[in-house]
């Protein structure tokens, strides 16, 4: 779900927790077997693995992770089934994340198996030639350029060119109060990769860009609505590390930005696109990567089922169930019939139609029949906590509806190793 990992510590020797039955009321649908009467040696399914809370907690590997992945590869280190790591982290390159995962799991992981929250931005080619302001942390310029953006500008660069704009921290205010004469191109979009370090600076400068139509430093315009496009990656309100309770995520930063904008203007901040789990676009892109792996390995059997293994009800479970609903409702229909009507249905964003049509040239239509959510108990979710129906607050993003059915996982297991065992059993899968 989260951020880049520093060098990982050795695996602790803690024993794996006992297998737990799915809590009553949590598994809203009965387990569905693939219908195979004989053991299968070719996969008709694929895995979508979350990372934080499933494979690691902060810098510490979860003991079950290596055990699980030894079951997923042959003696040569080749994967026996298609596997994609779908993380809401957005502050590193996918190659770096692949190297971290290889070290963590003890199996070779390629960058083509890694999907960062920002990966779908490769498809937003209409913005690649524009000057875009990027917010977050990590090697932002490298990430933006790797995705195809030709003119990215960071918050730090904007602050350097317009030093009078950042005035909250008195110690960082410029000593000489003179306006900058440095020319900057018009900023035509804002890309939110992840939570920044200095929230007050990023919030101030992003608001400046939105209220001046891309010319920060100018006076605010009375008629600056609708504002320039905002594309956001990673909507996680919270995530887990070594602390006993969850920590603020990028979704918390977005809540701040949305409310500040509305307080100043009286209008809603609008997003051109929302990426990362639970966005449907993220799962469609992940399925594209799953199919590409199967094609590369010459596995002719179609991939019918995706198993999304995660630890967060609001992102992993909600997103997988939302995509499952989309697959079921669109089964047997053409692309135009698959696309949602504007503003109709749960978690349907106004830009879904336009964005999906834009992807028509890049991605094939969804082909899987179902997407099953598998919830583990090693991260955000705790089996000792309250059931989703008892929660008083919806932690999902503002633009997604609170649908209790989408918060019920198909399966609940103790850890990722138990998840792999369960899926092999459901699929009658016996690797050669």
Protein backbone atom coordinates (compact mmCIF):
# COMPACT_ATOMS: atom_id res chain seq x y z
CA UNK A 1 0.00 0.00 0.00
CA UNK A 2 2.77 2.35 0.77
CA UNK A 3 6.15 3.80 0.36
CA UNK A 4 9.62 2.76 -0.75
CA UNK A 5 11.47 0.50 1.65
CA UNK A 6 14.98 1.08 3.00
CA UNK A 7 17.21 -1.99 3.31
CA UNK A 8 15.18 -4.68 5.04
CA UNK A 9 16.02 -6.36 8.30
CA UNK A 10 16.40 -10.11 8.56
CA UNK A 11 13.24 -12.17 8.86
CA UNK A 12 12.19 -12.48 12.49
CA UNK A 13 11.60 -15.95 13.83
CA UNK A 14 8.05 -15.37 15.02
CA UNK A 15 5.71 -18.27 14.41
CA UNK A 16 2.85 -17.88 11.98
CA UNK A 17 -0.51 -17.24 13.68
CA UNK A 18 -3.01 -20.09 13.62
CA UNK A 19 -5.49 -20.25 10.78
CA UNK A 20 -8.66 -18.42 11.65
CA UNK A 21 -12.13 -19.01 10.27
CA UNK A 22 -13.66 -16.08 8.41
CA UNK A 23 -15.45 -13.92 10.96
CA UNK A 24 -19.22 -14.33 10.81
CA UNK A 25 -20.73 -11.67 8.61
CA UNK A 26 -17.43 -10.87 6.91
CA UNK A 27 -17.61 -13.20 3.94
CA UNK A 28 -20.66 -11.89 2.17
CA UNK A 29 -20.54 -14.56 -0.56
CA UNK A 30 -19.80 -18.27 -0.29
CA UNK A 31 -16.50 -19.56 -1.55
CA UNK A 32 -16.72 -20.28 -5.27
CA UNK A 33 -14.60 -23.02 -6.72
CA UNK A 34 -13.41 -22.88 -10.27
CA UNK A 35 -15.40 -25.94 -11.21
CA UNK A 36 -12.34 -27.99 -12.17
CA UNK A 37 -12.93 -31.68 -11.52
CA UNK A 38 -9.25 -32.56 -11.94
CA UNK A 39 -6.07 -31.01 -10.67
CA UNK A 40 -4.83 -28.17 -12.90
CA UNK A 41 -1.23 -27.66 -13.97
CA UNK A 42 -1.82 -24.49 -16.03
CA UNK A 43 -3.11 -21.42 -14.22
CA UNK A 44 -6.49 -19.93 -15.04
CA UNK A 45 -6.05 -17.35 -12.26
CA UNK A 46 -3.64 -14.67 -11.13
CA UNK A 47 -2.60 -12.92 -7.91
CA UNK A 48 -2.72 -9.21 -7.14
CA UNK A 49 -0.64 -8.73 -3.99
CA UNK A 50 -0.64 -5.64 -1.83
CA UNK A 51 2.72 -5.00 -0.14
CA UNK A 52 2.49 -3.00 3.10
CA UNK A 53 0.57 -4.96 5.72
CA UNK A 54 0.72 -8.11 3.57
CA UNK A 55 4.44 -8.64 2.89
CA UNK A 56 5.98 -6.05 5.22
CA UNK A 57 5.18 -3.77 8.14
CA UNK A 58 7.27 -0.66 7.58
CA UNK A 59 10.84 -1.97 7.26
CA UNK A 60 10.13 -5.39 8.76
CA UNK A 61 9.20 -8.39 6.57
CA UNK A 62 6.18 -10.40 7.63
CA UNK A 63 7.42 -13.98 8.30
CA UNK A 64 4.78 -15.68 6.10
CA UNK A 65 5.87 -13.78 2.98
CA UNK A 66 8.93 -15.85 2.02
CA UNK A 67 7.12 -19.10 2.76
CA UNK A 68 4.26 -18.06 0.49
CA UNK A 69 6.43 -17.10 -2.43
CA UNK A 70 8.47 -20.27 -2.35
CA UNK A 71 5.22 -21.99 -3.30
CA UNK A 72 4.68 -19.66 -6.24
CA UNK A 73 7.92 -20.36 -8.13
CA UNK A 74 9.59 -23.42 -9.63
CA UNK A 75 13.19 -24.45 -8.82
CA UNK A 76 14.42 -22.11 -11.57
CA UNK A 77 12.72 -19.15 -9.92
CA UNK A 78 10.00 -18.82 -12.57
CA UNK A 79 6.51 -17.98 -11.38
CA UNK A 80 3.95 -20.77 -11.70
CA UNK A 81 1.05 -18.33 -11.91
CA UNK A 82 0.80 -14.68 -13.01
CA UNK A 83 1.63 -12.34 -10.12
CA UNK A 84 1.39 -8.55 -9.97
CA UNK A 85 2.24 -6.43 -6.94
CA UNK A 86 -0.36 -3.66 -6.72
CA UNK A 87 0.78 -1.05 -4.25
CA UNK A 88 -0.53 2.40 -3.45
CA UNK A 89 3.04 3.57 -2.89
CA UNK A 90 4.12 6.24 -5.33
CA UNK A 91 7.47 7.60 -4.19
CA UNK A 92 9.87 5.35 -6.10
CA UNK A 93 10.45 3.85 -9.53
CA UNK A 94 8.95 0.43 -10.18
CA UNK A 95 12.44 -0.97 -10.88
CA UNK A 96 13.52 0.06 -7.38
CA UNK A 97 10.42 -1.53 -5.89
CA UNK A 98 11.08 -4.73 -7.86
CA UNK A 99 14.61 -4.92 -6.45
CA UNK A 100 13.32 -4.40 -2.91
CA UNK A 101 10.74 -7.15 -3.37
CA UNK A 102 13.33 -9.54 -4.81
CA UNK A 103 15.46 -9.02 -1.71
CA UNK A 104 12.47 -9.38 0.58
CA UNK A 105 10.93 -12.50 -0.95
CA UNK A 106 14.03 -14.33 -2.12
CA UNK A 107 12.65 -14.73 -5.66
CA UNK A 108 13.39 -12.69 -8.80
CA UNK A 109 10.81 -9.95 -9.39
CA UNK A 110 10.78 -7.90 -12.61
CA UNK A 111 9.56 -4.33 -12.91
CA UNK A 112 6.80 -5.59 -15.21
CA UNK A 113 5.29 -7.34 -12.18
CA UNK A 114 5.12 -4.13 -10.16
CA UNK A 115 2.28 -1.65 -10.36
CA UNK A 116 2.77 1.59 -8.46
CA UNK A 117 -0.18 3.86 -7.73
CA UNK A 118 1.03 6.18 -10.50
CA UNK A 119 1.52 3.49 -13.17
CA UNK A 120 -1.73 4.29 -15.06
CA UNK A 121 -0.41 7.80 -15.70
CA UNK A 122 1.47 6.25 -18.63
CA UNK A 123 -1.90 6.23 -20.39
CA UNK A 124 -2.58 9.94 -19.85
CA UNK A 125 -0.56 10.97 -22.86
CA UNK A 126 -2.49 14.19 -23.42
CA UNK A 127 -0.65 15.61 -20.39
CA UNK A 128 2.82 14.32 -21.17
CA UNK A 129 3.86 17.38 -23.19
CA UNK A 130 2.38 19.89 -20.73
CA UNK A 131 4.07 21.58 -17.78
CA UNK A 132 2.76 19.79 -14.68
CA UNK A 133 3.33 20.47 -10.98
CA UNK A 134 4.20 17.26 -9.13
CA UNK A 135 3.74 16.75 -5.39
CA UNK A 136 5.05 13.99 -3.13
CA UNK A 137 8.46 12.77 -2.05
CA UNK A 138 11.25 10.62 -3.43
CA UNK A 139 12.80 11.06 -6.89
CA UNK A 140 9.78 12.94 -8.28
CA UNK A 141 11.39 14.13 -11.49
CA UNK A 142 12.71 10.66 -12.31
CA UNK A 143 9.28 9.14 -11.64
CA UNK A 144 7.47 11.74 -13.73
CA UNK A 145 9.89 11.42 -16.64
CA UNK A 146 9.73 7.62 -16.49
CA UNK A 147 5.95 7.90 -16.85
CA UNK A 148 6.34 10.08 -19.93
CA UNK A 149 6.04 13.64 -18.59
CA UNK A 150 8.37 16.02 -20.40
CA UNK A 151 7.98 19.19 -18.31
CA UNK A 152 7.48 18.28 -14.64
CA UNK A 153 8.14 20.90 -11.97
CA UNK A 154 8.37 20.04 -8.28
CA UNK A 155 6.98 21.93 -5.29
CA UNK A 156 10.57 22.64 -4.19
CA UNK A 157 11.44 24.15 -7.57
CA UNK A 158 8.30 26.28 -7.57
CA UNK A 159 9.10 27.48 -4.04
CA UNK A 160 12.64 28.36 -5.13
CA UNK A 161 11.35 30.37 -8.10
CA UNK A 162 8.54 32.02 -6.11
CA UNK A 163 10.02 32.36 -2.60
CA UNK A 164 7.35 34.78 -1.32
CA UNK A 165 4.63 32.16 -1.57
CA UNK A 166 5.80 29.91 1.29
CA UNK A 167 5.17 31.96 4.43
CA UNK A 168 3.88 29.60 7.14
CA UNK A 169 7.30 28.68 8.56
CA UNK A 170 8.80 32.01 9.66
CA UNK A 171 12.32 30.58 9.61
CA UNK A 172 11.97 29.74 5.91
CA UNK A 173 10.67 33.12 4.80
CA UNK A 174 13.02 34.99 2.46
CA UNK A 175 15.18 37.64 4.09
CA UNK A 176 14.79 40.03 1.15
CA UNK A 177 11.13 40.72 0.31
CA UNK A 178 11.36 41.24 -3.44
CA UNK A 179 9.20 39.50 -6.04
CA UNK A 180 10.93 37.00 -8.26
CA UNK A 181 11.53 37.95 -11.87
CA UNK A 182 12.12 34.35 -12.94
CA UNK A 183 9.81 33.36 -15.77
CA UNK A 184 7.94 30.10 -15.41
CA UNK A 185 5.79 28.35 -18.00
CA UNK A 186 2.10 28.11 -17.31
CA UNK A 187 1.35 25.08 -15.14
CA UNK A 188 -1.40 23.15 -16.92
CA UNK A 189 -2.05 20.29 -14.48
CA UNK A 190 -1.26 19.14 -10.94
CA UNK A 191 -0.15 15.55 -10.29
CA UNK A 192 -0.32 14.29 -6.70
CA UNK A 193 2.01 11.29 -6.41
CA UNK A 194 1.82 10.90 -2.63
CA UNK A 195 2.00 12.71 0.67
CA UNK A 196 4.74 15.35 0.83
CA UNK A 197 7.04 16.07 3.76
CA UNK A 198 6.11 19.70 4.36
CA UNK A 199 2.35 19.68 4.08
CA UNK A 200 1.89 23.42 4.67
CA UNK A 201 4.17 24.29 1.76
CA UNK A 202 2.56 21.87 -0.67
CA UNK A 203 -0.99 22.83 0.35
CA UNK A 204 -0.22 26.53 -0.07
CA UNK A 205 1.48 26.24 -3.46
CA UNK A 206 -1.07 23.82 -4.93
CA UNK A 207 -3.88 26.18 -3.88
CA UNK A 208 -1.93 29.07 -5.48
CA UNK A 209 -1.67 27.16 -8.75
CA UNK A 210 -5.37 26.25 -8.77
CA UNK A 211 -6.60 29.77 -7.95
CA UNK A 212 -4.39 31.52 -10.52
CA UNK A 213 -5.08 29.15 -13.44
CA UNK A 214 -1.49 27.95 -13.41
CA UNK A 215 0.36 31.23 -12.78
CA UNK A 216 1.36 31.08 -9.07
CA UNK A 217 2.49 34.46 -7.79
CA UNK A 218 -0.31 36.26 -9.59
CA UNK A 219 -3.35 37.52 -7.65
CA UNK A 220 -6.13 34.98 -7.15
CA UNK A 221 -8.75 35.12 -9.89
CA UNK A 222 -12.39 35.50 -8.94
CA UNK A 223 -13.44 33.27 -11.82
CA UNK A 224 -10.91 30.45 -11.64
CA UNK A 225 -13.46 27.62 -11.70
CA UNK A 226 -13.29 25.03 -13.03
CA UNK A 227 -9.64 24.88 -12.04
CA UNK A 228 -6.84 23.25 -14.03
CA UNK A 229 -6.83 19.41 -14.00
CA UNK A 230 -5.75 17.54 -10.86
CA UNK A 231 -4.65 13.90 -11.13
CA UNK A 232 -4.21 12.06 -7.83
CA UNK A 233 -2.53 8.76 -7.01
CA UNK A 234 -3.04 6.83 -3.75
CA UNK A 235 -6.16 7.65 -1.74
CA UNK A 236 -5.18 5.73 1.42
CA UNK A 237 -6.39 7.61 4.47
CA UNK A 238 -4.07 5.49 6.64
CA UNK A 239 -1.45 2.77 6.35
CA UNK A 240 0.48 0.56 8.77
CA UNK A 241 4.16 0.52 9.71
CA UNK A 242 5.83 -0.58 12.93
CA UNK A 243 3.58 1.59 15.11
CA UNK A 244 0.70 -0.14 16.86
CA UNK A 245 -1.90 2.07 15.18
CA UNK A 246 -2.24 3.18 11.52
CA UNK A 247 -0.42 6.30 10.25
CA UNK A 248 -1.60 9.17 8.02
CA UNK A 249 -1.53 8.41 4.30
CA UNK A 250 -1.89 10.48 1.14
CA UNK A 251 -5.65 10.33 1.49
CA UNK A 252 -5.32 12.43 4.65
CA UNK A 253 -3.35 15.04 2.70
CA UNK A 254 -6.06 15.04 0.03
CA UNK A 255 -8.73 15.62 2.70
CA UNK A 256 -6.79 18.71 3.80
CA UNK A 257 -6.41 20.00 0.23
CA UNK A 258 -10.08 19.42 -0.62
CA UNK A 259 -11.34 21.18 2.50
CA UNK A 260 -9.00 24.14 2.20
CA UNK A 261 -10.03 24.66 -1.42
CA UNK A 262 -13.72 24.47 -0.53
CA UNK A 263 -13.29 26.79 2.47
CA UNK A 264 -11.62 29.44 0.27
CA UNK A 265 -13.80 29.14 -2.83
CA UNK A 266 -17.05 27.58 -1.65
CA UNK A 267 -16.68 25.02 -4.44
CA UNK A 268 -15.64 21.37 -4.61
CA UNK A 269 -12.14 20.43 -5.71
CA UNK A 270 -12.52 18.22 -8.77
CA UNK A 271 -10.22 15.43 -9.92
CA UNK A 272 -9.51 14.65 -13.53
CA UNK A 273 -8.60 11.13 -12.40
CA UNK A 274 -8.12 9.17 -9.19
CA UNK A 275 -5.61 6.32 -9.33
CA UNK A 276 -4.46 3.65 -6.94
CA UNK A 277 -6.69 1.26 -5.06
CA UNK A 278 -9.71 1.22 -4.93
CA UNK A 279 -9.97 2.88 -8.37
CA UNK A 280 -11.35 0.64 -11.08
CA UNK A 281 -8.72 2.00 -13.47
CA UNK A 282 -6.02 0.50 -11.25
CA UNK A 283 -7.51 -2.99 -11.40
CA UNK A 284 -8.06 -2.80 -15.14
CA UNK A 285 -4.39 -1.88 -15.60
CA UNK A 286 -3.36 -4.67 -13.21
CA UNK A 287 -5.37 -7.18 -15.21
CA UNK A 288 -3.56 -5.97 -18.33
CA UNK A 289 -0.23 -6.80 -16.64
CA UNK A 290 -1.54 -10.24 -15.59
CA UNK A 291 -2.53 -11.07 -19.18
CA UNK A 292 0.83 -9.84 -20.46
CA UNK A 293 2.62 -12.30 -18.14
CA UNK A 294 0.45 -15.20 -19.28
CA UNK A 295 1.10 -14.31 -22.91
CA UNK A 296 4.85 -14.07 -22.32
CA UNK A 297 4.87 -17.56 -20.77
CA UNK A 298 2.68 -18.96 -23.58
CA UNK A 299 -0.04 -19.96 -21.13
CA UNK A 300 -2.92 -20.38 -23.53
CA UNK A 301 -5.53 -20.96 -20.86
CA UNK A 302 -7.46 -17.70 -20.26
CA UNK A 303 -7.09 -16.01 -16.89
CA UNK A 304 -10.64 -16.12 -15.51
CA UNK A 305 -10.13 -15.20 -11.85
CA UNK A 306 -8.06 -12.56 -10.09
CA UNK A 307 -7.32 -12.97 -6.38
CA UNK A 308 -6.55 -9.61 -4.73
CA UNK A 309 -4.71 -10.15 -1.43
CA UNK A 310 -4.67 -7.14 0.89
CA UNK A 311 -4.98 -5.91 4.46
CA UNK A 312 -7.19 -2.83 4.12
CA UNK A 313 -10.98 -3.00 3.88
CA UNK A 314 -11.25 0.51 2.47
CA UNK A 315 -8.76 0.03 -0.37
CA UNK A 316 -7.87 -3.61 -1.06
CA UNK A 317 -11.26 -5.19 -0.34
CA UNK A 318 -13.38 -2.29 -1.59
CA UNK A 319 -11.36 -2.03 -4.81
CA UNK A 320 -11.34 -5.75 -5.59
CA UNK A 321 -15.07 -6.04 -4.92
CA UNK A 322 -15.78 -2.95 -7.01
CA UNK A 323 -13.86 -4.47 -9.92
CA UNK A 324 -15.60 -7.80 -9.38
CA UNK A 325 -18.94 -6.02 -9.64
CA UNK A 326 -17.81 -4.30 -12.82
CA UNK A 327 -16.71 -7.61 -14.35
CA UNK A 328 -19.98 -9.33 -13.47
CA UNK A 329 -22.16 -6.49 -14.71
CA UNK A 330 -20.22 -6.16 -17.97
CA UNK A 331 -19.91 -9.89 -18.69
CA UNK A 332 -20.52 -10.54 -22.36
CA UNK A 333 -20.89 -6.88 -23.29
CA UNK A 334 -18.82 -4.81 -25.68
CA UNK A 335 -16.54 -1.99 -24.57
CA UNK A 336 -19.13 0.77 -25.02
CA UNK A 337 -21.67 -1.17 -22.96
CA UNK A 338 -19.02 -1.81 -20.28
CA UNK A 339 -18.36 1.87 -19.64
CA UNK A 340 -20.37 3.47 -16.83
CA UNK A 341 -22.80 6.28 -17.43
CA UNK A 342 -21.72 9.58 -15.92
CA UNK A 343 -22.49 9.77 -12.24
CA UNK A 344 -24.32 6.43 -12.12
CA UNK A 345 -23.57 3.56 -9.77
CA UNK A 346 -21.36 3.28 -6.70
CA UNK A 347 -17.90 4.81 -6.87
CA UNK A 348 -18.46 5.98 -10.45
CA UNK A 349 -16.38 9.08 -11.12
CA UNK A 350 -17.45 11.72 -13.64
CA UNK A 351 -14.25 11.26 -15.63
CA UNK A 352 -14.54 7.45 -15.91
CA UNK A 353 -16.14 7.54 -19.35
CA UNK A 354 -13.62 9.91 -20.89
CA UNK A 355 -10.62 8.18 -19.30
CA UNK A 356 -11.76 4.68 -20.26
CA UNK A 357 -12.35 5.75 -23.85
CA UNK A 358 -8.85 7.24 -23.86
CA UNK A 359 -7.47 3.86 -22.79
CA UNK A 360 -9.23 2.06 -25.62
CA UNK A 361 -6.13 2.45 -27.78
CA UNK A 362 -3.78 1.34 -25.00
CA UNK A 363 -5.50 -1.50 -23.15
CA UNK A 364 -7.77 -4.33 -24.19
CA UNK A 365 -11.14 -4.48 -22.48
CA UNK A 366 -11.32 -6.41 -19.23
CA UNK A 367 -11.38 -10.16 -19.87
CA UNK A 368 -11.47 -11.80 -16.43
CA UNK A 369 -14.77 -13.15 -15.14
CA UNK A 370 -14.30 -12.34 -11.47
CA UNK A 371 -12.03 -10.65 -8.93
CA UNK A 372 -11.98 -12.18 -5.45
CA UNK A 373 -10.90 -10.19 -2.38
CA UNK A 374 -8.73 -12.02 0.17
CA UNK A 375 -8.21 -10.15 3.45
CA UNK A 376 -5.20 -10.90 5.65
CA UNK A 377 -4.90 -10.09 9.36
CA UNK A 378 -1.31 -8.79 9.39
CA UNK A 379 -1.91 -5.12 8.58
CA UNK A 380 -4.63 -2.49 8.88
CA UNK A 381 -7.38 -5.05 9.43
CA UNK A 382 -7.50 -6.76 12.82
CA UNK A 383 -9.91 -9.62 13.51
CA UNK A 384 -10.26 -8.23 17.04
CA UNK A 385 -11.57 -4.90 15.73
CA UNK A 386 -15.12 -3.93 14.92
CA UNK A 387 -16.80 -5.38 11.86
CA UNK A 388 -17.21 -2.94 8.93
CA UNK A 389 -20.96 -2.63 9.49
CA UNK A 390 -20.30 -1.38 13.02
CA UNK A 391 -17.90 1.35 11.95
CA UNK A 392 -19.27 4.85 12.31
CA UNK A 393 -16.96 6.45 9.74
CA UNK A 394 -16.23 5.66 6.10
CA UNK A 395 -12.49 5.94 5.51
CA UNK A 396 -12.72 5.77 1.74
CA UNK A 397 -12.21 8.79 -0.50
CA UNK A 398 -14.88 11.49 -0.75
CA UNK A 399 -15.74 10.55 -4.35
CA UNK A 400 -16.47 6.90 -3.55
CA UNK A 401 -19.78 5.86 -2.05
CA UNK A 402 -20.06 4.00 1.25
CA UNK A 403 -21.45 0.65 0.09
CA UNK A 404 -21.30 -1.97 2.87
CA UNK A 405 -21.39 -4.80 0.33
CA UNK A 406 -18.05 -3.63 -1.08
CA UNK A 407 -16.44 -3.88 2.35
CA UNK A 408 -17.11 -7.61 2.78
CA UNK A 409 -14.15 -9.75 1.68
CA UNK A 410 -14.76 -13.03 -0.11
CA UNK A 411 -12.22 -14.71 2.18
CA UNK A 412 -10.43 -13.85 5.44
CA UNK A 413 -7.14 -15.62 6.27
CA UNK A 414 -4.37 -15.09 8.86
CA UNK A 415 -1.58 -14.16 6.45
CA UNK A 416 -0.32 -14.25 2.88
CA UNK A 417 0.91 -17.84 3.14
CA UNK A 418 -2.58 -18.95 4.12
CA UNK A 419 -3.94 -16.90 1.21
CA UNK A 420 -1.78 -18.79 -1.30
CA UNK A 421 -2.79 -22.15 0.20
CA UNK A 422 -6.46 -21.18 0.03
CA UNK A 423 -6.31 -20.11 -3.61
CA UNK A 424 -4.46 -23.25 -4.68
CA UNK A 425 -7.15 -25.28 -2.96
CA UNK A 426 -10.03 -23.30 -4.53
CA UNK A 427 -8.47 -23.62 -7.96
CA UNK A 428 -7.48 -27.29 -7.60
CA UNK A 429 -4.07 -26.10 -8.70
CA UNK A 430 -1.20 -28.59 -8.68
CA UNK A 431 1.92 -27.04 -10.22
CA UNK A 432 4.27 -29.31 -12.11
